[in-house]
Each structure stands twice: as C-alpha cells, then as structure tokens.
Amino acid sequence: MEKVPFTILTGWLGAGKTTALNRMLSASHGKRIAVLVNELGRISIDTQLIIGRGGDVLELAGGCVCCKVDLKNDLWDGIGDIVVRSKPDHVVLETTGIAEPAAILDGMFRVPDAVRDRILPAGVVCVVDAEAGGAALEKREEAREQVICADRVLLAKLDVASPDAVRRCHAILDELAPNAERASFPDDDAGARAMTAWVVESRKLRAWTSGTPRAHTDHDHAHHHGNQIVAVAFTDDAPLVGERVLAVIEGIGERLIRAKGFVHLAGEDRRGFVERAGVRTELRFLEPWGETPRKTELVLIGDGLDEGAVHRALWACRAGR
C-alpha cells in the first residue's frame, strides 16, 4: 500500500495559517489535498470552494476535502479514516495556534499499525507573522517551540511589516531555526501554486517509532543537478530588506559563481546594486530611482542552483514600504 504524505501546518495565533490554507485550496494545482482542522467553523473556506458536505467532511472544488478532527482524541484515527474515504494525494493538518508539533510527532510511535501503514510524515511548516511574529517569538514559549520543530518557515504579512520588524523577525529565526528554509510567495495564482507545491513537498523527518524527542537537523533538498551551471533570474516590484538579500546570496555558499543586479530596497530612495564576484559580496547605493519604476532585477549563476528555492528565499526578504 502506497503511503500518503502528511504535513503539519503550525504557527502562533493569528499568524496566517488559515489564509495559507485557503490559498492552497483555491489554487489550480491539480492535487487532491485533505485538510484536517479542529473546528470546521474556524476555517473560512470561500463559499465557491464548497461543493458538498458528507458527515464531518466538506467536499471542496478542485478535488480537495476538509475534515473536522479532535487532536486530543481521534487525530490518528481521523487521518486514517480520511485517507481511506477520500484517497487524497496529501494530508495537511492545521494545528491550533498554541499546539506544539513536536508533541504530535512524538506521539506517533503509539499509532496503530493499520494507520501507520497508510501515512508518511512529510514535514512541519510553521507560518510566522513578519509584522508581529518577533514579539510573539520573544514572549511565547509555544511559538518558539513551533518554529524550532519546523523544517520550513512560511513568512506572512511581509507586505505590511516594516523593514525593522522584518529584520527583527529574521534575527530571531536565525537563532531559533537556522536550518529551516524560509519562504514567501507572491499574492497571485502562480504564487499560490508554488506555495502549495512547497508545503506538500516531502521533507526528511526522524523515524516514527523511536518515541524520543525529535532531533532538528538540516533538511535535504531534493533538487540536484550534478554541478550543472544554472542561471537564475529574479524580478520583483516589492521592496526588499537589503541585509536579508545579502544573507540569501551568501547562504548559497561556494556553489554561487556570480550574482549581480539592482535591488529595490525597503525604506530607501536610492537604487541598490548587489554583486557577488569571487569571494566578495557587496550591496552599494547608487543614484535615486527618480521617475524610474522601482524593481529588483537580479541574476544568480552557480552550480546546481534551485530556481524555486532561490525565488522563495528572496520573496521572504520582502517588507512594507
């Protein structure tokens, strides 16, 4: 029997989990995704997405389904049941804002074999509010645990977050989850499809049967190109935080051969220019934009670069104007 991948979508109260789910369910991705929530009334699925109701399951347009589940009492039975009834390509569990994903994962060694044989843990995605998330991560242990457990961090509300708030949020994530991939996606159909593919991508997790606390290790990207030199172009109208752009470029490491281009910097009227040549990476200021439309236009060239990963990381550098 082929196992169905299972992803946990977590995040502090108000971070934007339901918004992310609605984007996934409304995107034209062609996948049958089963979404499990604690209360159907909490998820604001657009009316046009609902095509029928069968007991505790909402049938959604595009082949998706939404199921009510009780995390404390019937989580694993509920997952096993929805897999048998709806035959989804992927299962996504939205936790409550105060849930700790590690506790959920660590309880999986008690899952009956009949259920365990049907599902495969595929990762933990944590939604973080870039505007208010820094304060939550500093004050709330539960919010920190959610981030620490995640192998991916989805940054939300970058369009309304100030550059300083974005910097603060990234700095805390650098400390709590340095190995978790950070991403954001444009607010359009293509962005929704890309986000869905990223959320349901299977990532490496610890064995279910250990019953021991989950070790946080760097995830293994599935994209390898045999050191083939790849050129990645990136354009974006949104303002970006310059320090984070540099961090993304430097984070690619020795695989990056060359990078250069103009950057629309948040909170800055001057045109930015970033360049990587040899071992040096620099960001310098040029003349003011004036009447020229403000736009980031970058080209990165390197060995086996993953275009999608580069775009996700640079989108996560966005900030409000």
C-alpha atoms as a PDB file:
ATOM      1  CA  MET A   1       0.000   0.000   0.000  1.00  0.00           C
ATOM      2  CA  GLU A   2       1.392   3.386  -1.002  1.00  0.00           C
ATOM      3  CA  LYS A   3       1.639   5.779   1.940  1.00  0.00           C
ATOM      4  CA  VAL A   4       0.046   9.223   1.806  1.00  0.00           C
ATOM      5  CA  PRO A   5       2.352  12.106   2.839  1.00  0.00           C
ATOM      6  CA  PHE A   6       1.243  14.025   5.926  1.00  0.00           C
ATOM      7  CA  THR A   7       2.307  17.615   6.691  1.00  0.00           C
ATOM      8  CA  ILE A   8       1.713  19.626   9.862  1.00  0.00           C
ATOM      9  CA  LEU A   9       0.909  23.316   9.317  1.00  0.00           C
ATOM     10  CA  THR A  10       1.549  25.209  12.537  1.00  0.00           C
ATOM     11  CA  GLY A  11       2.039  28.786  13.712  1.00  0.00           C
ATOM     12  CA  TRP A  12       1.156  31.130  16.537  1.00  0.00           C
ATOM     13  CA  LEU A  13      -2.344  32.560  16.936  1.00  0.00           C
ATOM     14  CA  GLY A  14      -3.150  34.934  14.074  1.00  0.00           C
ATOM     15  CA  ALA A  15      -0.002  34.154  12.113  1.00  0.00           C
ATOM     16  CA  GLY A  16      -1.919  33.442   8.891  1.00  0.00           C
ATOM     17  CA  LYS A  17      -2.387  29.657   8.787  1.00  0.00           C
ATOM     18  CA  THR A  18      -5.989  29.803   7.575  1.00  0.00           C
ATOM     19  CA  THR A  19      -5.090  32.323   4.878  1.00  0.00           C
ATOM     20  CA  ALA A  20      -2.379  29.972   3.664  1.00  0.00           C
ATOM     21  CA  LEU A  21      -4.822  27.054   3.645  1.00  0.00           C
ATOM     22  CA  ASN A  22      -7.399  28.999   1.665  1.00  0.00           C
ATOM     23  CA  ARG A  23      -4.762  29.921  -0.899  1.00  0.00           C
ATOM     24  CA  MET A  24      -3.824  26.262  -1.237  1.00  0.00           C
ATOM     25  CA  LEU A  25      -7.395  25.080  -1.614  1.00  0.00           C
ATOM     26  CA  SER A  26      -8.269  27.701  -4.230  1.00  0.00           C
ATOM     27  CA  ALA A  27      -5.129  27.205  -6.343  1.00  0.00           C
ATOM     28  CA  SER A  28      -5.309  25.262  -9.596  1.00  0.00           C
ATOM     29  CA  HIS A  29      -2.667  22.712  -8.580  1.00  0.00           C
ATOM     30  CA  GLY A  30      -4.462  19.536  -9.641  1.00  0.00           C
ATOM     31  CA  LYS A  31      -3.821  17.726  -6.358  1.00  0.00           C
ATOM     32  CA  ARG A  32      -6.394  16.154  -4.072  1.00  0.00           C
ATOM     33  CA  ILE A  33      -5.448  17.566  -0.675  1.00  0.00           C
ATOM     34  CA  ALA A  34      -7.152  16.535   2.554  1.00  0.00           C
ATOM     35  CA  VAL A  35      -7.102  19.348   5.110  1.00  0.00           C
ATOM     36  CA  LEU A  36      -7.793  18.469   8.743  1.00  0.00           C
ATOM     37  CA  VAL A  37      -8.857  21.246  11.119  1.00  0.00           C
ATOM     38  CA  ASN A  38     -10.010  21.294  14.739  1.00  0.00           C
ATOM     39  CA  GLU A  39     -13.307  23.010  14.001  1.00  0.00           C
ATOM     40  CA  LEU A  40     -14.825  23.439  10.567  1.00  0.00           C
ATOM     41  CA  GLY A  41     -16.294  26.742  11.711  1.00  0.00           C
ATOM     42  CA  ARG A  42     -12.838  28.201  12.220  1.00  0.00           C
ATOM     43  CA  ILE A  43     -11.712  27.868   8.620  1.00  0.00           C
ATOM     44  CA  SER A  44     -13.090  30.499   6.266  1.00  0.00           C
ATOM     45  CA  ILE A  45     -13.300  28.445   3.115  1.00  0.00           C
ATOM     46  CA  ASP A  46     -14.791  30.540   0.356  1.00  0.00           C
ATOM     47  CA  THR A  47     -18.342  29.525  -0.485  1.00  0.00           C
ATOM     48  CA  GLN A  48     -17.487  28.699  -4.062  1.00  0.00           C
ATOM     49  CA  LEU A  49     -14.946  26.133  -2.852  1.00  0.00           C
ATOM     50  CA  ILE A  50     -17.564  24.035  -1.047  1.00  0.00           C
ATOM     51  CA  ILE A  51     -19.382  21.611  -3.323  1.00  0.00           C
ATOM     52  CA  GLY A  52     -20.950  19.264  -0.767  1.00  0.00           C
ATOM     53  CA  ARG A  53     -20.988  18.000   2.799  1.00  0.00           C
ATOM     54  CA  GLY A  54     -20.818  14.398   3.937  1.00  0.00           C
ATOM     55  CA  GLY A  55     -20.937  13.977   7.709  1.00  0.00           C
ATOM     56  CA  ASP A  56     -17.819  15.606   9.107  1.00  0.00           C
ATOM     57  CA  VAL A  57     -16.218  16.075   5.669  1.00  0.00           C
ATOM     58  CA  LEU A  58     -16.552  19.061   3.372  1.00  0.00           C
ATOM     59  CA  GLU A  59     -16.090  18.253  -0.293  1.00  0.00           C
ATOM     60  CA  LEU A  60     -14.241  21.130  -1.920  1.00  0.00           C
ATOM     61  CA  ALA A  61     -13.803  22.182  -5.513  1.00  0.00           C
ATOM     62  CA  GLY A  62     -10.643  21.030  -7.239  1.00  0.00           C
ATOM     63  CA  GLY A  63     -10.755  17.593  -5.624  1.00  0.00           C
ATOM     64  CA  CYS A  64      -9.817  18.767  -2.106  1.00  0.00           C
ATOM     65  CA  VAL A  65     -11.581  17.758   1.093  1.00  0.00           C
ATOM     66  CA  CYS A  66     -11.749  19.306   4.564  1.00  0.00           C
ATOM     67  CA  CYS A  67     -12.313  17.188   7.669  1.00  0.00           C
ATOM     68  CA  LYS A  68     -13.011  18.030  11.319  1.00  0.00           C
ATOM     69  CA  VAL A  69     -10.671  16.278  13.771  1.00  0.00           C
ATOM     70  CA  ASP A  70     -10.064  16.259  17.525  1.00  0.00           C
ATOM     71  CA  LEU A  71      -6.306  16.496  18.134  1.00  0.00           C
ATOM     72  CA  LYS A  72      -6.542  15.015  21.619  1.00  0.00           C
ATOM     73  CA  ASN A  73      -8.833  12.073  20.966  1.00  0.00           C
ATOM     74  CA  ASP A  74      -9.050  10.944  17.375  1.00  0.00           C
ATOM     75  CA  LEU A  75      -6.210  12.541  15.389  1.00  0.00           C
ATOM     76  CA  TRP A  76      -4.647   9.381  14.019  1.00  0.00           C
ATOM     77  CA  ASP A  77      -7.925   7.549  13.559  1.00  0.00           C
ATOM     78  CA  GLY A  78      -9.218  10.640  11.764  1.00  0.00           C
ATOM     79  CA  ILE A  79      -6.212  10.738   9.455  1.00  0.00           C
ATOM     80  CA  GLY A  80      -6.501   7.031   8.700  1.00  0.00           C
ATOM     81  CA  ASP A  81     -10.212   7.394   8.046  1.00  0.00           C
ATOM     82  CA  ILE A  82      -9.873  10.367   5.687  1.00  0.00           C
ATOM     83  CA  VAL A  83      -7.124   8.561   3.746  1.00  0.00           C
ATOM     84  CA  VAL A  84      -9.382   5.536   3.212  1.00  0.00           C
ATOM     85  CA  ARG A  85     -12.535   7.545   2.429  1.00  0.00           C
ATOM     86  CA  SER A  86     -11.127  10.320   0.260  1.00  0.00           C
ATOM     87  CA  LYS A  87      -7.907   8.832  -1.163  1.00  0.00           C
ATOM     88  CA  PRO A  88      -6.012  12.159  -1.118  1.00  0.00           C
ATOM     89  CA  ASP A  89      -2.608  12.817  -2.633  1.00  0.00           C
ATOM     90  CA  HIS A  90      -1.556  14.614   0.548  1.00  0.00           C
ATOM     91  CA  VAL A  91      -2.873  15.305   4.058  1.00  0.00           C
ATOM     92  CA  VAL A  92      -2.344  18.681   5.767  1.00  0.00           C
ATOM     93  CA  LEU A  93      -3.143  19.135   9.459  1.00  0.00           C
ATOM     94  CA  GLU A  94      -3.702  22.704  10.661  1.00  0.00           C
ATOM     95  CA  THR A  95      -2.903  22.783  14.372  1.00  0.00           C
ATOM     96  CA  THR A  96      -4.321  25.262  16.844  1.00  0.00           C
ATOM     97  CA  GLY A  97      -2.222  28.355  17.476  1.00  0.00           C
ATOM     98  CA  ILE A  98      -0.909  27.009  20.783  1.00  0.00           C
ATOM     99  CA  ALA A  99      -0.219  23.420  19.718  1.00  0.00           C
ATOM    100  CA  GLU A 100       3.322  22.031  19.855  1.00  0.00           C
ATOM    101  CA  PRO A 101       4.047  19.978  16.711  1.00  0.00           C
ATOM    102  CA  ALA A 102       6.856  18.049  18.389  1.00  0.00           C
ATOM    103  CA  ALA A 103       4.372  16.559  20.860  1.00  0.00           C
ATOM    104  CA  ILE A 104       2.173  15.476  17.962  1.00  0.00           C
ATOM    105  CA  LEU A 105       5.085  13.861  16.130  1.00  0.00           C
ATOM    106  CA  ASP A 106       6.430  12.221  19.264  1.00  0.00           C
ATOM    107  CA  GLY A 107       3.044  10.594  19.848  1.00  0.00           C
ATOM    108  CA  MET A 108       3.170   8.828  16.509  1.00  0.00           C
ATOM    109  CA  PHE A 109       5.032   5.823  17.901  1.00  0.00           C
ATOM    110  CA  ARG A 110       1.747   4.881  19.599  1.00  0.00           C
ATOM    111  CA  VAL A 111      -0.184   4.978  16.320  1.00  0.00           C
ATOM    112  CA  PRO A 112      -1.792   1.637  15.403  1.00  0.00           C
ATOM    113  CA  ASP A 113      -0.003  -0.186  12.614  1.00  0.00           C
ATOM    114  CA  ALA A 114      -3.115  -0.026  10.440  1.00  0.00           C
ATOM    115  CA  VAL A 115      -2.887   3.763  10.458  1.00  0.00           C
ATOM    116  CA  ARG A 116       0.898   3.975  10.404  1.00  0.00           C
ATOM    117  CA  ASP A 117       0.983   1.901   7.239  1.00  0.00           C
ATOM    118  CA  ARG A 118      -1.217   4.441   5.452  1.00  0.00           C
ATOM    119  CA  ILE A 119       0.570   7.745   6.141  1.00  0.00           C
ATOM    120  CA  LEU A 120       4.107   9.108   5.924  1.00  0.00           C
ATOM    121  CA  PRO A 121       5.308  12.194   7.881  1.00  0.00           C
ATOM    122  CA  ALA A 122       6.362  14.757   5.299  1.00  0.00           C
ATOM    123  CA  GLY A 123       7.393  17.764   7.382  1.00  0.00           C
ATOM    124  CA  VAL A 124       6.367  20.652   9.600  1.00  0.00           C
ATOM    125  CA  VAL A 125       5.626  24.066   8.082  1.00  0.00           C
ATOM    126  CA  CYS A 126       5.399  26.981  10.525  1.00  0.00           C
ATOM    127  CA  VAL A 127       3.649  30.200   9.489  1.00  0.00           C
ATOM    128  CA  VAL A 128       5.255  33.279  11.081  1.00  0.00           C
ATOM    129  CA  ASP A 129       3.734  36.761  11.057  1.00  0.00           C
ATOM    130  CA  ALA A 130       6.593  39.006   9.925  1.00  0.00           C
ATOM    131  CA  GLU A 131       4.920  42.059  11.451  1.00  0.00           C
ATOM    132  CA  ALA A 132       4.114  40.754  14.948  1.00  0.00           C
ATOM    133  CA  GLY A 133       5.928  37.431  14.981  1.00  0.00           C
ATOM    134  CA  GLY A 134       9.106  38.791  16.528  1.00  0.00           C
ATOM    135  CA  ALA A 135       7.290  39.818  19.695  1.00  0.00           C
ATOM    136  CA  ALA A 136       5.432  36.501  19.891  1.00  0.00           C
ATOM    137  CA  LEU A 137       8.645  34.523  19.484  1.00  0.00           C
ATOM    138  CA  GLU A 138      10.292  36.531  22.255  1.00  0.00           C
ATOM    139  CA  LYS A 139       7.400  36.205  24.713  1.00  0.00           C
ATOM    140  CA  ARG A 140       5.744  32.859  23.998  1.00  0.00           C
ATOM    141  CA  GLU A 141       7.453  29.533  24.562  1.00  0.00           C
ATOM    142  CA  GLU A 142       4.815  27.747  22.468  1.00  0.00           C
ATOM    143  CA  ALA A 143       5.573  29.995  19.483  1.00  0.00           C
ATOM    144  CA  ARG A 144       9.275  29.280  19.831  1.00  0.00           C
ATOM    145  CA  GLU A 145       8.667  25.532  20.018  1.00  0.00           C
ATOM    146  CA  GLN A 146       6.615  25.675  16.824  1.00  0.00           C
ATOM    147  CA  VAL A 147       9.479  27.339  14.956  1.00  0.00           C
ATOM    148  CA  ILE A 148      12.146  25.061  16.430  1.00  0.00           C
ATOM    149  CA  CYS A 149      10.204  21.992  15.312  1.00  0.00           C
ATOM    150  CA  ALA A 150       9.690  23.213  11.739  1.00  0.00           C
ATOM    151  CA  ASP A 151      11.778  22.308   8.721  1.00  0.00           C
ATOM    152  CA  ARG A 152      10.138  25.158   6.770  1.00  0.00           C
ATOM    153  CA  VAL A 153       9.041  28.657   7.804  1.00  0.00           C
ATOM    154  CA  LEU A 154       6.400  30.483   5.763  1.00  0.00           C
ATOM    155  CA  LEU A 155       6.680  34.231   6.323  1.00  0.00           C
ATOM    156  CA  ALA A 156       3.326  36.025   6.181  1.00  0.00           C
ATOM    157  CA  LYS A 157       2.264  39.695   6.173  1.00  0.00           C
ATOM    158  CA  LEU A 158       5.532  40.915   4.670  1.00  0.00           C
ATOM    159  CA  ASP A 159       3.559  43.490   2.691  1.00  0.00           C
ATOM    160  CA  VAL A 160       2.522  45.301   5.890  1.00  0.00           C
ATOM    161  CA  ALA A 161       5.585  44.636   8.045  1.00  0.00           C
ATOM    162  CA  SER A 162       8.083  47.457   8.459  1.00  0.00           C
ATOM    163  CA  PRO A 163      11.718  46.807   7.442  1.00  0.00           C
ATOM    164  CA  ASP A 164      12.722  46.868  11.121  1.00  0.00           C
ATOM    165  CA  ALA A 165      10.034  44.295  12.002  1.00  0.00           C
ATOM    166  CA  VAL A 166      11.230  42.029   9.183  1.00  0.00           C
ATOM    167  CA  ARG A 167      14.839  42.356  10.358  1.00  0.00           C
ATOM    168  CA  ARG A 168      13.827  41.531  13.932  1.00  0.00           C
ATOM    169  CA  CYS A 169      11.842  38.512  12.827  1.00  0.00           C
ATOM    170  CA  HIS A 170      14.678  37.133  10.705  1.00  0.00           C
ATOM    171  CA  ALA A 171      17.196  37.696  13.504  1.00  0.00           C
ATOM    172  CA  ILE A 172      15.120  35.608  15.911  1.00  0.00           C
ATOM    173  CA  LEU A 173      14.646  32.903  13.282  1.00  0.00           C
ATOM    174  CA  ASP A 174      18.414  32.885  12.731  1.00  0.00           C
ATOM    175  CA  GLU A 175      18.753  31.932  16.381  1.00  0.00           C
ATOM    176  CA  LEU A 176      15.831  29.529  16.790  1.00  0.00           C
ATOM    177  CA  ALA A 177      15.694  27.773  13.422  1.00  0.00           C
ATOM    178  CA  PRO A 178      18.838  28.443  11.380  1.00  0.00           C
ATOM    179  CA  ASN A 179      18.365  25.286   9.294  1.00  0.00           C
ATOM    180  CA  ALA A 180      14.692  25.756   8.468  1.00  0.00           C
ATOM    181  CA  GLU A 181      14.089  27.012   4.936  1.00  0.00           C
ATOM    182  CA  ARG A 182      12.351  30.405   4.909  1.00  0.00           C
ATOM    183  CA  ALA A 183       9.978  31.282   2.114  1.00  0.00           C
ATOM    184  CA  SER A 184       7.250  33.612   0.998  1.00  0.00           C
ATOM    185  CA  PHE A 185       5.179  33.696  -2.158  1.00  0.00           C
ATOM    186  CA  PRO A 186       3.580  36.401  -4.329  1.00  0.00           C
ATOM    187  CA  ASP A 187      -0.124  37.010  -3.814  1.00  0.00           C
ATOM    188  CA  ASP A 188      -1.266  35.686  -7.189  1.00  0.00           C
ATOM    189  CA  ASP A 189      -2.305  32.378  -8.741  1.00  0.00           C
ATOM    190  CA  ALA A 190       1.247  31.396  -9.675  1.00  0.00           C
ATOM    191  CA  GLY A 191       2.382  32.172  -6.138  1.00  0.00           C
ATOM    192  CA  ALA A 192      -0.435  30.067  -4.676  1.00  0.00           C
ATOM    193  CA  ARG A 193       0.517  27.099  -6.862  1.00  0.00           C
ATOM    194  CA  ALA A 194       4.178  27.452  -5.927  1.00  0.00           C
ATOM    195  CA  MET A 195       3.288  27.698  -2.228  1.00  0.00           C
ATOM    196  CA  THR A 196       1.108  24.587  -2.422  1.00  0.00           C
ATOM    197  CA  ALA A 197       3.861  22.569  -4.094  1.00  0.00           C
ATOM    198  CA  TRP A 198       6.310  23.738  -1.417  1.00  0.00           C
ATOM    199  CA  VAL A 199       4.011  22.949   1.525  1.00  0.00           C
ATOM    200  CA  VAL A 200       3.225  19.432   0.305  1.00  0.00           C
ATOM    201  CA  GLU A 201       6.816  18.621  -0.628  1.00  0.00           C
ATOM    202  CA  SER A 202       8.053  15.734   1.496  1.00  0.00           C
ATOM    203  CA  ARG A 203      10.998  16.515   3.752  1.00  0.00           C
ATOM    204  CA  LYS A 204      13.119  14.132   5.816  1.00  0.00           C
ATOM    205  CA  LEU A 205      11.919  13.581   9.406  1.00  0.00           C
ATOM    206  CA  ARG A 206      13.057  11.289  12.198  1.00  0.00           C
ATOM    207  CA  ALA A 207      11.746   7.736  12.431  1.00  0.00           C
ATOM    208  CA  TRP A 208       8.247   7.465  13.882  1.00  0.00           C
ATOM    209  CA  THR A 209       8.966   4.525  16.087  1.00  0.00           C
ATOM    210  CA  SER A 210      11.730   5.968  18.241  1.00  0.00           C
ATOM    211  CA  GLY A 211       9.492   7.609  20.822  1.00  0.00           C
ATOM    212  CA  THR A 212      12.306  10.069  21.507  1.00  0.00           C
ATOM    213  CA  PRO A 213      12.332  13.857  21.084  1.00  0.00           C
ATOM    214  CA  ARG A 214      12.683  14.956  17.511  1.00  0.00           C
ATOM    215  CA  ALA A 215      16.176  15.968  16.521  1.00  0.00           C
ATOM    216  CA  HIS A 216      16.331  19.156  14.482  1.00  0.00           C
ATOM    217  CA  THR A 217      18.562  18.579  11.507  1.00  0.00           C
ATOM    218  CA  ASP A 218      19.134  20.362   8.263  1.00  0.00           C
ATOM    219  CA  HIS A 219      16.686  19.175   5.633  1.00  0.00           C
ATOM    220  CA  ASP A 220      17.909  17.568   2.476  1.00  0.00           C
ATOM    221  CA  HIS A 221      16.877  19.352  -0.695  1.00  0.00           C
ATOM    222  CA  ALA A 222      15.558  17.012  -3.351  1.00  0.00           C
ATOM    223  CA  HIS A 223      16.959  19.070  -6.227  1.00  0.00           C
ATOM    224  CA  HIS A 224      20.378  18.080  -7.525  1.00  0.00           C
ATOM    225  CA  HIS A 225      21.772  18.904 -10.940  1.00  0.00           C
ATOM    226  CA  GLY A 226      25.178  17.243 -10.955  1.00  0.00           C
ATOM    227  CA  ASN A 227      27.013  20.586 -10.657  1.00  0.00           C
ATOM    228  CA  GLN A 228      25.403  21.826 -13.839  1.00  0.00           C
ATOM    229  CA  ILE A 229      25.823  25.581 -14.067  1.00  0.00           C
ATOM    230  CA  VAL A 230      22.424  27.239 -13.765  1.00  0.00           C
ATOM    231  CA  ALA A 231      21.423  30.879 -14.217  1.00  0.00           C
ATOM    232  CA  VAL A 232      18.511  32.065 -12.080  1.00  0.00           C
ATOM    233  CA  ALA A 233      16.758  35.368 -12.868  1.00  0.00           C
ATOM    234  CA  PHE A 234      14.674  37.097 -10.195  1.00  0.00           C
ATOM    235  CA  THR A 235      12.457  40.163 -10.597  1.00  0.00           C
ATOM    236  CA  ASP A 236      10.133  41.707  -8.016  1.00  0.00           C
ATOM    237  CA  ASP A 237       8.330  45.026  -7.614  1.00  0.00           C
ATOM    238  CA  ALA A 238       8.071  44.715  -3.824  1.00  0.00           C
ATOM    239  CA  PRO A 239      10.691  46.407  -1.616  1.00  0.00           C
ATOM    240  CA  LEU A 240      13.274  44.059  -0.097  1.00  0.00           C
ATOM    241  CA  VAL A 241      15.368  44.245   3.077  1.00  0.00           C
ATOM    242  CA  GLY A 242      18.943  44.603   1.838  1.00  0.00           C
ATOM    243  CA  GLU A 243      20.647  42.695   4.647  1.00  0.00           C
ATOM    244  CA  ARG A 244      18.429  39.683   4.043  1.00  0.00           C
ATOM    245  CA  VAL A 245      19.166  39.744   0.305  1.00  0.00           C
ATOM    246  CA  LEU A 246      22.857  39.595   1.162  1.00  0.00           C
ATOM    247  CA  ALA A 247      22.198  36.756   3.621  1.00  0.00           C
ATOM    248  CA  VAL A 248      20.404  34.748   0.917  1.00  0.00           C
ATOM    249  CA  ILE A 249      23.221  35.257  -1.571  1.00  0.00           C
ATOM    250  CA  GLU A 250      25.947  34.452   0.939  1.00  0.00           C
ATOM    251  CA  GLY A 251      23.973  31.457   2.194  1.00  0.00           C
ATOM    252  CA  ILE A 252      24.271  29.742  -1.193  1.00  0.00           C
ATOM    253  CA  GLY A 253      27.974  29.412  -0.461  1.00  0.00           C
ATOM    254  CA  GLU A 254      30.611  28.132  -2.842  1.00  0.00           C
ATOM    255  CA  ARG A 255      28.008  26.929  -5.338  1.00  0.00           C
ATOM    256  CA  LEU A 256      27.348  30.554  -6.308  1.00  0.00           C
ATOM    257  CA  ILE A 257      29.744  31.714  -9.004  1.00  0.00           C
ATOM    258  CA  ARG A 258      28.362  35.143  -9.839  1.00  0.00           C
ATOM    259  CA  ALA A 259      25.480  37.421  -8.868  1.00  0.00           C
ATOM    260  CA  LYS A 260      24.605  40.961  -9.794  1.00  0.00           C
ATOM    261  CA  GLY A 261      21.649  43.258 -10.236  1.00  0.00           C
ATOM    262  CA  PHE A 262      19.582  46.157  -8.986  1.00  0.00           C
ATOM    263  CA  VAL A 263      17.602  45.968  -5.759  1.00  0.00           C
ATOM    264  CA  HIS A 264      14.509  47.887  -4.693  1.00  0.00           C
ATOM    265  CA  LEU A 265      15.410  48.470  -1.037  1.00  0.00           C
ATOM    266  CA  ALA A 266      12.762  48.922   1.658  1.00  0.00           C
ATOM    267  CA  GLY A 267      12.903  52.369   3.260  1.00  0.00           C
ATOM    268  CA  GLU A 268      15.483  53.647   0.774  1.00  0.00           C
ATOM    269  CA  ASP A 269      15.031  56.077  -2.139  1.00  0.00           C
ATOM    270  CA  ARG A 270      18.360  55.188  -3.702  1.00  0.00           C
ATOM    271  CA  ARG A 271      18.751  52.335  -6.130  1.00  0.00           C
ATOM    272  CA  GLY A 272      20.599  49.380  -4.643  1.00  0.00           C
ATOM    273  CA  PHE A 273      23.141  47.321  -6.531  1.00  0.00           C
ATOM    274  CA  VAL A 274      24.227  43.910  -5.265  1.00  0.00           C
ATOM    275  CA  GLU A 275      27.163  41.986  -6.660  1.00  0.00           C
ATOM    276  CA  ARG A 276      28.926  38.725  -5.908  1.00  0.00           C
ATOM    277  CA  ALA A 277      32.325  38.339  -7.594  1.00  0.00           C
ATOM    278  CA  GLY A 278      34.826  35.777  -6.391  1.00  0.00           C
ATOM    279  CA  VAL A 279      34.503  35.537  -2.605  1.00  0.00           C
ATOM    280  CA  ARG A 280      33.177  39.074  -2.132  1.00  0.00           C
ATOM    281  CA  THR A 281      29.537  40.046  -1.887  1.00  0.00           C
ATOM    282  CA  GLU A 282      28.566  43.708  -1.583  1.00  0.00           C
ATOM    283  CA  LEU A 283      25.491  45.896  -1.640  1.00  0.00           C
ATOM    284  CA  ARG A 284      26.048  49.529  -2.556  1.00  0.00           C
ATOM    285  CA  PHE A 285      23.810  52.524  -3.131  1.00  0.00           C
ATOM    286  CA  LEU A 286      23.506  54.256  -6.488  1.00  0.00           C
ATOM    287  CA  GLU A 287      21.529  57.307  -7.604  1.00  0.00           C
ATOM    288  CA  PRO A 288      17.891  57.833  -6.501  1.00  0.00           C
ATOM    289  CA  TRP A 289      15.246  55.991  -8.500  1.00  0.00           C
ATOM    290  CA  GLY A 290      13.558  59.217  -9.513  1.00  0.00           C
ATOM    291  CA  GLU A 291      10.867  58.535 -12.115  1.00  0.00           C
ATOM    292  CA  THR A 292      12.275  55.083 -12.912  1.00  0.00           C
ATOM    293  CA  PRO A 293       9.905  52.293 -11.801  1.00  0.00           C
ATOM    294  CA  ARG A 294      11.340  50.632  -8.706  1.00  0.00           C
ATOM    295  CA  LYS A 295      12.053  46.985  -9.354  1.00  0.00           C
ATOM    296  CA  THR A 296      14.537  44.336  -8.220  1.00  0.00           C
ATOM    297  CA  GLU A 297      16.280  42.596 -11.114  1.00  0.00           C
ATOM    298  CA  LEU A 298      18.887  40.005 -10.155  1.00  0.00           C
ATOM    299  CA  VAL A 299      20.771  37.241 -11.941  1.00  0.00           C
ATOM    300  CA  LEU A 300      22.496  34.473  -9.985  1.00  0.00           C
ATOM    301  CA  ILE A 301      24.777  31.919 -11.655  1.00  0.00           C
ATOM    302  CA  GLY A 302      26.078  28.826  -9.938  1.00  0.00           C
ATOM    303  CA  ASP A 303      26.401  25.066  -9.697  1.00  0.00           C
ATOM    304  CA  GLY A 304      23.080  23.274  -9.416  1.00  0.00           C
ATOM    305  CA  LEU A 305      21.102  26.282  -8.213  1.00  0.00           C
ATOM    306  CA  ASP A 306      17.472  25.518  -7.399  1.00  0.00           C
ATOM    307  CA  GLU A 307      15.460  28.298  -9.054  1.00  0.00           C
ATOM    308  CA  GLY A 308      12.388  27.723  -6.892  1.00  0.00           C
ATOM    309  CA  ALA A 309      14.396  27.786  -3.665  1.00  0.00           C
ATOM    310  CA  VAL A 310      16.178  30.994  -4.685  1.00  0.00           C
ATOM    311  CA  HIS A 311      12.871  32.699  -5.504  1.00  0.00           C
ATOM    312  CA  ARG A 312      11.270  31.576  -2.223  1.00  0.00           C
ATOM    313  CA  ALA A 313      14.201  32.854  -0.187  1.00  0.00           C
ATOM    314  CA  LEU A 314      14.261  36.229  -1.941  1.00  0.00           C
ATOM    315  CA  TRP A 315      10.480  36.654  -1.643  1.00  0.00           C
ATOM    316  CA  ALA A 316      10.999  36.152   2.099  1.00  0.00           C
ATOM    317  CA  CYS A 317      13.131  39.331   2.078  1.00  0.00           C
ATOM    318  CA  ARG A 318      10.084  41.497   1.307  1.00  0.00           C
ATOM    319  CA  ALA A 319       8.900  44.279   3.609  1.00  0.00           C
ATOM    320  CA  GLY A 320       6.339  47.058   3.634  1.00  0.00           C
ATOM    321  CA  ARG A 321       7.326  50.329   2.052  1.00  0.00           C
END
